[in-house]
Amino acid sequence: MKKILLLTSRNNLKNKNCIKITNYLNKKSINYQHIDINIDIDEFKNIKYNTNSLILSFGGDGTALKAMKLGWKYKLDVLSFGPGRVGYLVRSLNEFNNLIDQWVRGKYTFVKRFPIIQNEDLDLPSFNEVVIIKNSPTRLLDLSILTYDQKVDFRADGIIISTSLGSTAYNYSAGGPIVHNDIDSIIITPISPFTKFPRSIVVSRDTKLDITIKKNQNFAIQFDGSVEVEECINKNLTYKYGLSKKAIKIIGDDNNLKLDKFLNQILR
């Protein structure tokens, strides 16, 4: 039996656009259950769902990322809509009825999203970016990158390892390029580099990166904005990164970068 897991905040349930969503689901007699946005990833296993369930998120890009992480861990498809504000990971509600009808019929298109994985740990997918950043306000990080048997040493406040999907997020704020969603690639962007270093390097999806943080440094590693690693080390430490071969499916065939929304927002 098909079921929709509506991921959003309790406050959003009162939003007029969210009410349109639930009214349509009721009209079509589609079974759905509200899942609070603050649910812990591991707590989700207590929710009643099956392989025919769909995670439907309503909110901003943060909510969409949470839906993608849940979809990744529990092998469920994802569909995300926004309340009307600018969002780069969410769709317009004008498409809702049509996409839901396609999903109910089992005749729908989808795009795949491949996250960045650290040390082959599939429990920590990053659909936007991994950020290695200093914890000491006055000290730069001494880092090195090894890829294709070539090594580069540099000093910076940190480094961003971004997917194409995340190129308009922290990567862009740090001076990195906008890369179309349809191009599966890895973008390497330093944060305030002290040594001479290209603003960014874009490499292919098959590239493997070894990032080494030199000893006696205090740093944190963020996965899509959440700090998962904090270290103060007395030895060199190396982390391995690459795009996963496993993907999640996002319902719909729109792979548009939404450049108009993005540029109109930042050029105001």
C-alpha atoms as a PDB file:
ATOM      1  CA  MET A   1       0.000   0.000   0.000  1.00  0.00           C
ATOM      2  CA  LYS A   2       1.340   3.407  -0.955  1.00  0.00           C
ATOM      3  CA  LYS A   3       1.944   5.852   1.870  1.00  0.00           C
ATOM      4  CA  ILE A   4       3.274   9.398   2.090  1.00  0.00           C
ATOM      5  CA  LEU A   5       5.477  10.492   4.972  1.00  0.00           C
ATOM      6  CA  LEU A   6       4.996  14.266   5.186  1.00  0.00           C
ATOM      7  CA  LEU A   7       8.177  15.738   6.630  1.00  0.00           C
ATOM      8  CA  THR A   8       7.662  19.270   7.901  1.00  0.00           C
ATOM      9  CA  SER A   9       7.434  21.321  11.094  1.00  0.00           C
ATOM     10  CA  ARG A  10       4.243  21.429  13.144  1.00  0.00           C
ATOM     11  CA  ASN A  11       3.962  25.141  12.429  1.00  0.00           C
ATOM     12  CA  ASN A  12       4.064  24.460   8.700  1.00  0.00           C
ATOM     13  CA  LEU A  13       0.990  22.239   8.997  1.00  0.00           C
ATOM     14  CA  LYS A  14      -0.983  25.489   9.411  1.00  0.00           C
ATOM     15  CA  ASN A  15       0.586  27.043   6.313  1.00  0.00           C
ATOM     16  CA  LYS A  16      -2.014  27.561   3.581  1.00  0.00           C
ATOM     17  CA  ASN A  17       0.167  25.805   1.010  1.00  0.00           C
ATOM     18  CA  CYS A  18       0.719  22.810   3.275  1.00  0.00           C
ATOM     19  CA  ILE A  19      -3.044  22.686   3.828  1.00  0.00           C
ATOM     20  CA  LYS A  20      -3.440  22.500   0.032  1.00  0.00           C
ATOM     21  CA  ILE A  21      -1.134  19.477   0.071  1.00  0.00           C
ATOM     22  CA  THR A  22      -3.042  17.628   2.781  1.00  0.00           C
ATOM     23  CA  ASN A  23      -6.411  18.536   1.243  1.00  0.00           C
ATOM     24  CA  TYR A  24      -5.336  17.036  -2.078  1.00  0.00           C
ATOM     25  CA  LEU A  25      -4.046  13.877  -0.407  1.00  0.00           C
ATOM     26  CA  ASN A  26      -7.370  13.527   1.434  1.00  0.00           C
ATOM     27  CA  LYS A  27      -9.291  14.134  -1.790  1.00  0.00           C
ATOM     28  CA  LYS A  28      -7.334  11.357  -3.514  1.00  0.00           C
ATOM     29  CA  SER A  29      -7.644   9.071  -0.458  1.00  0.00           C
ATOM     30  CA  ILE A  30      -3.863   8.807  -0.217  1.00  0.00           C
ATOM     31  CA  ASN A  31      -2.663   7.581   3.150  1.00  0.00           C
ATOM     32  CA  TYR A  32      -0.209   9.987   4.779  1.00  0.00           C
ATOM     33  CA  GLN A  33       1.457  10.593   8.122  1.00  0.00           C
ATOM     34  CA  HIS A  34       3.069  13.737   9.478  1.00  0.00           C
ATOM     35  CA  ILE A  35       6.747  13.351  10.468  1.00  0.00           C
ATOM     36  CA  ASP A  36       8.220  16.227  12.472  1.00  0.00           C
ATOM     37  CA  ILE A  37      11.295  17.836  10.918  1.00  0.00           C
ATOM     38  CA  ASN A  38      13.179  17.421  14.211  1.00  0.00           C
ATOM     39  CA  ILE A  39      12.955  13.630  14.170  1.00  0.00           C
ATOM     40  CA  ASP A  40      16.291  11.911  14.720  1.00  0.00           C
ATOM     41  CA  ILE A  41      17.521   9.944  11.712  1.00  0.00           C
ATOM     42  CA  ASP A  42      17.681   6.724  13.737  1.00  0.00           C
ATOM     43  CA  GLU A  43      14.236   7.267  15.315  1.00  0.00           C
ATOM     44  CA  PHE A  44      12.685   7.136  11.859  1.00  0.00           C
ATOM     45  CA  LYS A  45      12.917   3.334  11.921  1.00  0.00           C
ATOM     46  CA  ASN A  46      10.006   3.344  14.400  1.00  0.00           C
ATOM     47  CA  ILE A  47       7.718   4.909  11.778  1.00  0.00           C
ATOM     48  CA  LYS A  48       5.362   2.531   9.980  1.00  0.00           C
ATOM     49  CA  TYR A  49       6.318   2.558   6.311  1.00  0.00           C
ATOM     50  CA  ASN A  50       7.078   0.155   3.476  1.00  0.00           C
ATOM     51  CA  THR A  51       9.043   0.140   0.246  1.00  0.00           C
ATOM     52  CA  ASN A  52       6.120   1.881  -1.496  1.00  0.00           C
ATOM     53  CA  SER A  53       6.342   4.857   0.857  1.00  0.00           C
ATOM     54  CA  LEU A  54       7.419   8.323  -0.309  1.00  0.00           C
ATOM     55  CA  ILE A  55       9.114  10.983   1.812  1.00  0.00           C
ATOM     56  CA  LEU A  56       7.366  14.233   0.918  1.00  0.00           C
ATOM     57  CA  SER A  57       9.026  17.284   2.458  1.00  0.00           C
ATOM     58  CA  PHE A  58       7.516  20.747   2.793  1.00  0.00           C
ATOM     59  CA  GLY A  59       9.859  23.555   3.806  1.00  0.00           C
ATOM     60  CA  GLY A  60      13.144  25.074   2.777  1.00  0.00           C
ATOM     61  CA  ASP A  61      16.372  23.538   1.540  1.00  0.00           C
ATOM     62  CA  GLY A  62      17.249  22.350   5.056  1.00  0.00           C
ATOM     63  CA  THR A  63      14.061  20.305   5.182  1.00  0.00           C
ATOM     64  CA  ALA A  64      14.803  18.914   1.711  1.00  0.00           C
ATOM     65  CA  LEU A  65      18.287  17.856   2.828  1.00  0.00           C
ATOM     66  CA  LYS A  66      16.814  16.109   5.875  1.00  0.00           C
ATOM     67  CA  ALA A  67      14.394  14.278   3.580  1.00  0.00           C
ATOM     68  CA  MET A  68      17.274  13.207   1.349  1.00  0.00           C
ATOM     69  CA  LYS A  69      19.242  11.843   4.303  1.00  0.00           C
ATOM     70  CA  LEU A  70      16.186   9.883   5.474  1.00  0.00           C
ATOM     71  CA  GLY A  71      15.584   8.613   1.951  1.00  0.00           C
ATOM     72  CA  TRP A  72      19.220   7.544   1.764  1.00  0.00           C
ATOM     73  CA  LYS A  73      19.250   5.620   5.034  1.00  0.00           C
ATOM     74  CA  TYR A  74      15.859   3.946   4.605  1.00  0.00           C
ATOM     75  CA  LYS A  75      15.962   3.457   0.814  1.00  0.00           C
ATOM     76  CA  LEU A  76      12.900   5.584   0.055  1.00  0.00           C
ATOM     77  CA  ASP A  77      12.207   7.991  -2.794  1.00  0.00           C
ATOM     78  CA  VAL A  78      11.946  11.708  -2.043  1.00  0.00           C
ATOM     79  CA  LEU A  79       9.883  14.637  -3.293  1.00  0.00           C
ATOM     80  CA  SER A  80      10.374  18.151  -1.875  1.00  0.00           C
ATOM     81  CA  PHE A  81       8.249  21.291  -2.121  1.00  0.00           C
ATOM     82  CA  GLY A  82       8.745  24.800  -0.767  1.00  0.00           C
ATOM     83  CA  PRO A  83       6.319  27.251   0.833  1.00  0.00           C
ATOM     84  CA  GLY A  84       7.005  29.879  -1.813  1.00  0.00           C
ATOM     85  CA  ARG A  85      10.389  31.319  -0.849  1.00  0.00           C
ATOM     86  CA  VAL A  86      13.530  30.875  -2.928  1.00  0.00           C
ATOM     87  CA  GLY A  87      14.801  27.344  -2.670  1.00  0.00           C
ATOM     88  CA  TYR A  88      17.238  25.415  -4.816  1.00  0.00           C
ATOM     89  CA  LEU A  89      16.356  21.903  -3.645  1.00  0.00           C
ATOM     90  CA  VAL A  90      12.568  22.294  -3.627  1.00  0.00           C
ATOM     91  CA  ARG A  91       9.919  22.348  -6.323  1.00  0.00           C
ATOM     92  CA  SER A  92       6.987  24.661  -6.994  1.00  0.00           C
ATOM     93  CA  LEU A  93       3.605  23.611  -5.604  1.00  0.00           C
ATOM     94  CA  ASN A  94       2.196  24.172  -9.084  1.00  0.00           C
ATOM     95  CA  GLU A  95       3.655  20.764  -9.941  1.00  0.00           C
ATOM     96  CA  PHE A  96       2.302  18.962  -6.886  1.00  0.00           C
ATOM     97  CA  ASN A  97      -0.919  17.439  -8.196  1.00  0.00           C
ATOM     98  CA  ASN A  98       0.663  16.122 -11.378  1.00  0.00           C
ATOM     99  CA  LEU A  99       3.713  14.606  -9.659  1.00  0.00           C
ATOM    100  CA  ILE A 100       1.648  12.939  -6.940  1.00  0.00           C
ATOM    101  CA  ASP A 101      -0.736  11.495  -9.522  1.00  0.00           C
ATOM    102  CA  GLN A 102       2.234  10.077 -11.460  1.00  0.00           C
ATOM    103  CA  TRP A 103       3.680   8.576  -8.284  1.00  0.00           C
ATOM    104  CA  VAL A 104       0.370   6.964  -7.354  1.00  0.00           C
ATOM    105  CA  ARG A 105       0.149   5.378 -10.816  1.00  0.00           C
ATOM    106  CA  GLY A 106       3.750   4.198 -10.563  1.00  0.00           C
ATOM    107  CA  LYS A 107       4.616   5.993 -13.798  1.00  0.00           C
ATOM    108  CA  TYR A 108       7.012   8.751 -12.847  1.00  0.00           C
ATOM    109  CA  THR A 109      10.423  10.046 -13.791  1.00  0.00           C
ATOM    110  CA  PHE A 110      13.230  10.771 -11.369  1.00  0.00           C
ATOM    111  CA  VAL A 111      16.738  12.163 -11.064  1.00  0.00           C
ATOM    112  CA  LYS A 112      19.519  10.561  -9.055  1.00  0.00           C
ATOM    113  CA  ARG A 113      21.563  12.342  -6.416  1.00  0.00           C
ATOM    114  CA  PHE A 114      24.990  11.034  -5.430  1.00  0.00           C
ATOM    115  CA  PRO A 115      26.392  12.246  -2.095  1.00  0.00           C
ATOM    116  CA  ILE A 116      29.992  12.692  -1.017  1.00  0.00           C
ATOM    117  CA  ILE A 117      31.138   9.911   1.319  1.00  0.00           C
ATOM    118  CA  GLN A 118      33.947  10.135   3.879  1.00  0.00           C
ATOM    119  CA  ASN A 119      36.113   7.064   4.483  1.00  0.00           C
ATOM    120  CA  GLU A 120      33.492   4.907   2.698  1.00  0.00           C
ATOM    121  CA  ASP A 121      31.107   5.485   5.632  1.00  0.00           C
ATOM    122  CA  LEU A 122      27.623   5.292   4.094  1.00  0.00           C
ATOM    123  CA  ASP A 123      26.051   6.553   7.333  1.00  0.00           C
ATOM    124  CA  LEU A 124      27.380  10.077   6.701  1.00  0.00           C
ATOM    125  CA  PRO A 125      26.222  11.147   3.212  1.00  0.00           C
ATOM    126  CA  SER A 126      26.680  14.780   2.192  1.00  0.00           C
ATOM    127  CA  PHE A 127      24.421  15.880  -0.644  1.00  0.00           C
ATOM    128  CA  ASN A 128      25.675  19.484  -0.600  1.00  0.00           C
ATOM    129  CA  GLU A 129      29.150  19.535   0.904  1.00  0.00           C
ATOM    130  CA  VAL A 130      31.689  18.355   3.438  1.00  0.00           C
ATOM    131  CA  VAL A 131      33.518  21.203   5.178  1.00  0.00           C
ATOM    132  CA  ILE A 132      36.782  20.826   7.097  1.00  0.00           C
ATOM    133  CA  ILE A 133      37.233  24.005   9.123  1.00  0.00           C
ATOM    134  CA  LYS A 134      39.486  25.299  11.866  1.00  0.00           C
ATOM    135  CA  ASN A 135      38.221  25.533  15.450  1.00  0.00           C
ATOM    136  CA  SER A 136      40.934  27.956  16.522  1.00  0.00           C
ATOM    137  CA  PRO A 137      40.009  31.566  15.614  1.00  0.00           C
ATOM    138  CA  THR A 138      43.600  32.748  15.104  1.00  0.00           C
ATOM    139  CA  ARG A 139      45.317  29.758  13.521  1.00  0.00           C
ATOM    140  CA  LEU A 140      45.143  28.516   9.940  1.00  0.00           C
ATOM    141  CA  LEU A 141      44.897  24.835   9.106  1.00  0.00           C
ATOM    142  CA  ASP A 142      47.856  23.126   7.459  1.00  0.00           C
ATOM    143  CA  LEU A 143      46.339  20.763   4.892  1.00  0.00           C
ATOM    144  CA  SER A 144      47.323  18.648   1.940  1.00  0.00           C
ATOM    145  CA  ILE A 145      45.310  17.184  -0.938  1.00  0.00           C
ATOM    146  CA  LEU A 146      46.343  13.989  -2.686  1.00  0.00           C
ATOM    147  CA  THR A 147      44.545  13.009  -5.888  1.00  0.00           C
ATOM    148  CA  TYR A 148      45.683  11.238  -9.073  1.00  0.00           C
ATOM    149  CA  ASP A 149      48.994  10.588  -7.267  1.00  0.00           C
ATOM    150  CA  GLN A 150      49.585  14.340  -7.049  1.00  0.00           C
ATOM    151  CA  LYS A 151      49.951  16.147  -3.738  1.00  0.00           C
ATOM    152  CA  VAL A 152      49.387  19.820  -2.911  1.00  0.00           C
ATOM    153  CA  ASP A 153      50.115  21.422   0.488  1.00  0.00           C
ATOM    154  CA  PHE A 154      48.392  24.641   1.523  1.00  0.00           C
ATOM    155  CA  ARG A 155      47.190  26.708   4.482  1.00  0.00           C
ATOM    156  CA  ALA A 156      43.653  28.033   4.861  1.00  0.00           C
ATOM    157  CA  ASP A 157      40.769  28.460   7.282  1.00  0.00           C
ATOM    158  CA  GLY A 158      39.426  25.231   5.847  1.00  0.00           C
ATOM    159  CA  ILE A 159      38.275  23.480   2.715  1.00  0.00           C
ATOM    160  CA  ILE A 160      34.908  22.740   1.087  1.00  0.00           C
ATOM    161  CA  ILE A 161      34.357  19.500  -0.823  1.00  0.00           C
ATOM    162  CA  SER A 162      31.110  20.083  -2.693  1.00  0.00           C
ATOM    163  CA  THR A 163      28.792  18.241  -5.038  1.00  0.00           C
ATOM    164  CA  SER A 164      27.399  20.005  -8.089  1.00  0.00           C
ATOM    165  CA  LEU A 165      24.074  20.195  -6.271  1.00  0.00           C
ATOM    166  CA  GLY A 166      25.769  22.080  -3.428  1.00  0.00           C
ATOM    167  CA  SER A 167      27.700  24.442  -5.690  1.00  0.00           C
ATOM    168  CA  THR A 168      25.260  27.297  -4.995  1.00  0.00           C
ATOM    169  CA  ALA A 169      25.580  26.869  -1.214  1.00  0.00           C
ATOM    170  CA  TYR A 170      28.719  27.353   0.923  1.00  0.00           C
ATOM    171  CA  ASN A 171      30.909  26.659  -2.107  1.00  0.00           C
ATOM    172  CA  TYR A 172      29.538  29.735  -3.879  1.00  0.00           C
ATOM    173  CA  SER A 173      29.859  31.909  -0.758  1.00  0.00           C
ATOM    174  CA  ALA A 174      33.545  30.961  -0.560  1.00  0.00           C
ATOM    175  CA  GLY A 175      34.146  31.992  -4.169  1.00  0.00           C
ATOM    176  CA  GLY A 176      33.555  28.633  -5.847  1.00  0.00           C
ATOM    177  CA  PRO A 177      31.879  28.122  -9.236  1.00  0.00           C
ATOM    178  CA  ILE A 178      28.261  27.285  -9.993  1.00  0.00           C
ATOM    179  CA  VAL A 179      28.170  23.819 -11.571  1.00  0.00           C
ATOM    180  CA  HIS A 180      25.026  22.480 -13.237  1.00  0.00           C
ATOM    181  CA  ASN A 181      23.139  19.815 -11.256  1.00  0.00           C
ATOM    182  CA  ASP A 182      23.310  17.431 -14.184  1.00  0.00           C
ATOM    183  CA  ILE A 183      27.117  17.245 -13.999  1.00  0.00           C
ATOM    184  CA  ASP A 184      28.209  14.722 -11.381  1.00  0.00           C
ATOM    185  CA  SER A 185      31.450  16.245 -10.148  1.00  0.00           C
ATOM    186  CA  ILE A 186      33.388  17.206  -7.031  1.00  0.00           C
ATOM    187  CA  ILE A 187      34.311  20.837  -6.389  1.00  0.00           C
ATOM    188  CA  ILE A 188      37.271  21.609  -4.121  1.00  0.00           C
ATOM    189  CA  THR A 189      37.197  25.149  -2.738  1.00  0.00           C
ATOM    190  CA  PRO A 190      39.541  26.536  -0.058  1.00  0.00           C
ATOM    191  CA  ILE A 191      38.181  28.839   2.664  1.00  0.00           C
ATOM    192  CA  SER A 192      40.305  32.013   2.893  1.00  0.00           C
ATOM    193  CA  PRO A 193      43.559  30.385   1.714  1.00  0.00           C
ATOM    194  CA  PHE A 194      46.797  31.970   2.887  1.00  0.00           C
ATOM    195  CA  THR A 195      49.053  30.276   0.369  1.00  0.00           C
ATOM    196  CA  LYS A 196      48.550  30.669  -3.364  1.00  0.00           C
ATOM    197  CA  PHE A 197      45.824  28.244  -4.346  1.00  0.00           C
ATOM    198  CA  PRO A 198      43.272  28.266  -7.183  1.00  0.00           C
ATOM    199  CA  ARG A 199      39.884  29.556  -6.085  1.00  0.00           C
ATOM    200  CA  SER A 200      38.452  26.130  -6.900  1.00  0.00           C
ATOM    201  CA  ILE A 201      39.215  22.892  -8.676  1.00  0.00           C
ATOM    202  CA  VAL A 202      36.453  20.867 -10.347  1.00  0.00           C
ATOM    203  CA  VAL A 203      37.178  17.156 -10.811  1.00  0.00           C
ATOM    204  CA  SER A 204      35.241  14.214 -12.256  1.00  0.00           C
ATOM    205  CA  ARG A 205      32.798  12.069 -10.320  1.00  0.00           C
ATOM    206  CA  ASP A 206      35.277   9.168 -10.196  1.00  0.00           C
ATOM    207  CA  THR A 207      37.959  11.224  -8.465  1.00  0.00           C
ATOM    208  CA  LYS A 208      39.199  10.062  -5.067  1.00  0.00           C
ATOM    209  CA  LEU A 209      40.579  12.643  -2.635  1.00  0.00           C
ATOM    210  CA  ASP A 210      42.845  12.190   0.359  1.00  0.00           C
ATOM    211  CA  ILE A 211      42.725  15.246   2.628  1.00  0.00           C
ATOM    212  CA  THR A 212      45.407  15.265   5.323  1.00  0.00           C
ATOM    213  CA  ILE A 213      45.222  17.577   8.329  1.00  0.00           C
ATOM    214  CA  LYS A 214      48.671  18.080   9.830  1.00  0.00           C
ATOM    215  CA  LYS A 215      49.297  17.300  13.519  1.00  0.00           C
ATOM    216  CA  ASN A 216      48.695  19.610  16.509  1.00  0.00           C
ATOM    217  CA  GLN A 217      45.610  21.251  15.015  1.00  0.00           C
ATOM    218  CA  ASN A 218      42.060  21.797  16.240  1.00  0.00           C
ATOM    219  CA  PHE A 219      39.355  21.353  13.602  1.00  0.00           C
ATOM    220  CA  ALA A 220      35.801  20.227  12.876  1.00  0.00           C
ATOM    221  CA  ILE A 221      34.178  18.439   9.937  1.00  0.00           C
ATOM    222  CA  GLN A 222      30.653  19.398   8.893  1.00  0.00           C
ATOM    223  CA  PHE A 223      28.351  17.272   6.756  1.00  0.00           C
ATOM    224  CA  ASP A 224      25.681  19.424   5.078  1.00  0.00           C
ATOM    225  CA  GLY A 225      26.025  21.955   7.886  1.00  0.00           C
ATOM    226  CA  SER A 226      26.010  19.509  10.811  1.00  0.00           C
ATOM    227  CA  VAL A 227      29.198  18.998  12.816  1.00  0.00           C
ATOM    228  CA  GLU A 228      29.900  15.275  13.006  1.00  0.00           C
ATOM    229  CA  VAL A 229      33.641  15.265  13.777  1.00  0.00           C
ATOM    230  CA  GLU A 230      35.676  17.449  16.146  1.00  0.00           C
ATOM    231  CA  GLU A 231      39.340  16.692  16.620  1.00  0.00           C
ATOM    232  CA  CYS A 232      42.412  18.073  18.358  1.00  0.00           C
ATOM    233  CA  ILE A 233      45.125  15.770  17.089  1.00  0.00           C
ATOM    234  CA  ASN A 234      48.807  15.145  17.832  1.00  0.00           C
ATOM    235  CA  LYS A 235      49.458  13.304  14.571  1.00  0.00           C
ATOM    236  CA  ASN A 236      48.683  13.709  10.890  1.00  0.00           C
ATOM    237  CA  LEU A 237      45.194  12.502  10.065  1.00  0.00           C
ATOM    238  CA  THR A 238      43.927  11.608   6.577  1.00  0.00           C
ATOM    239  CA  TYR A 239      40.308  11.459   5.408  1.00  0.00           C
ATOM    240  CA  LYS A 240      39.260   9.902   2.100  1.00  0.00           C
ATOM    241  CA  TYR A 241      36.452  11.397   0.006  1.00  0.00           C
ATOM    242  CA  GLY A 242      34.584  10.499  -3.159  1.00  0.00           C
ATOM    243  CA  LEU A 243      31.133  10.460  -4.712  1.00  0.00           C
ATOM    244  CA  SER A 244      29.103   7.406  -3.779  1.00  0.00           C
ATOM    245  CA  LYS A 245      28.106   4.947  -6.470  1.00  0.00           C
ATOM    246  CA  LYS A 246      24.814   4.556  -4.612  1.00  0.00           C
ATOM    247  CA  ALA A 247      22.166   7.241  -5.186  1.00  0.00           C
ATOM    248  CA  ILE A 248      18.763   8.322  -3.985  1.00  0.00           C
ATOM    249  CA  LYS A 249      15.893   9.012  -6.365  1.00  0.00           C
ATOM    250  CA  ILE A 250      14.189  12.409  -6.415  1.00  0.00           C
ATOM    251  CA  ILE A 251      10.742  12.221  -8.032  1.00  0.00           C
ATOM    252  CA  GLY A 252      10.347  14.345 -11.167  1.00  0.00           C
ATOM    253  CA  ASP A 253      12.569  15.048 -14.145  1.00  0.00           C
ATOM    254  CA  ASP A 254      13.385  18.697 -13.417  1.00  0.00           C
ATOM    255  CA  ASN A 255      17.178  18.972 -13.176  1.00  0.00           C
ATOM    256  CA  ASN A 256      17.146  22.734 -13.727  1.00  0.00           C
ATOM    257  CA  LEU A 257      19.758  24.707 -11.818  1.00  0.00           C
ATOM    258  CA  LYS A 258      17.193  27.480 -11.106  1.00  0.00           C
ATOM    259  CA  LEU A 259      19.729  30.108 -12.121  1.00  0.00           C
ATOM    260  CA  ASP A 260      17.033  32.765 -12.487  1.00  0.00           C
ATOM    261  CA  LYS A 261      15.926  32.399  -8.869  1.00  0.00           C
ATOM    262  CA  PHE A 262      19.497  32.193  -7.630  1.00  0.00           C
ATOM    263  CA  LEU A 263      20.853  35.205  -9.506  1.00  0.00           C
ATOM    264  CA  ASN A 264      17.780  37.358  -8.913  1.00  0.00           C
ATOM    265  CA  GLN A 265      18.144  36.664  -5.195  1.00  0.00           C
ATOM    266  CA  ILE A 266      21.837  37.547  -4.901  1.00  0.00           C
ATOM    267  CA  LEU A 267      21.667  40.544  -7.264  1.00  0.00           C
ATOM    268  CA  ARG A 268      18.990  42.396  -5.307  1.00  0.00           C
END
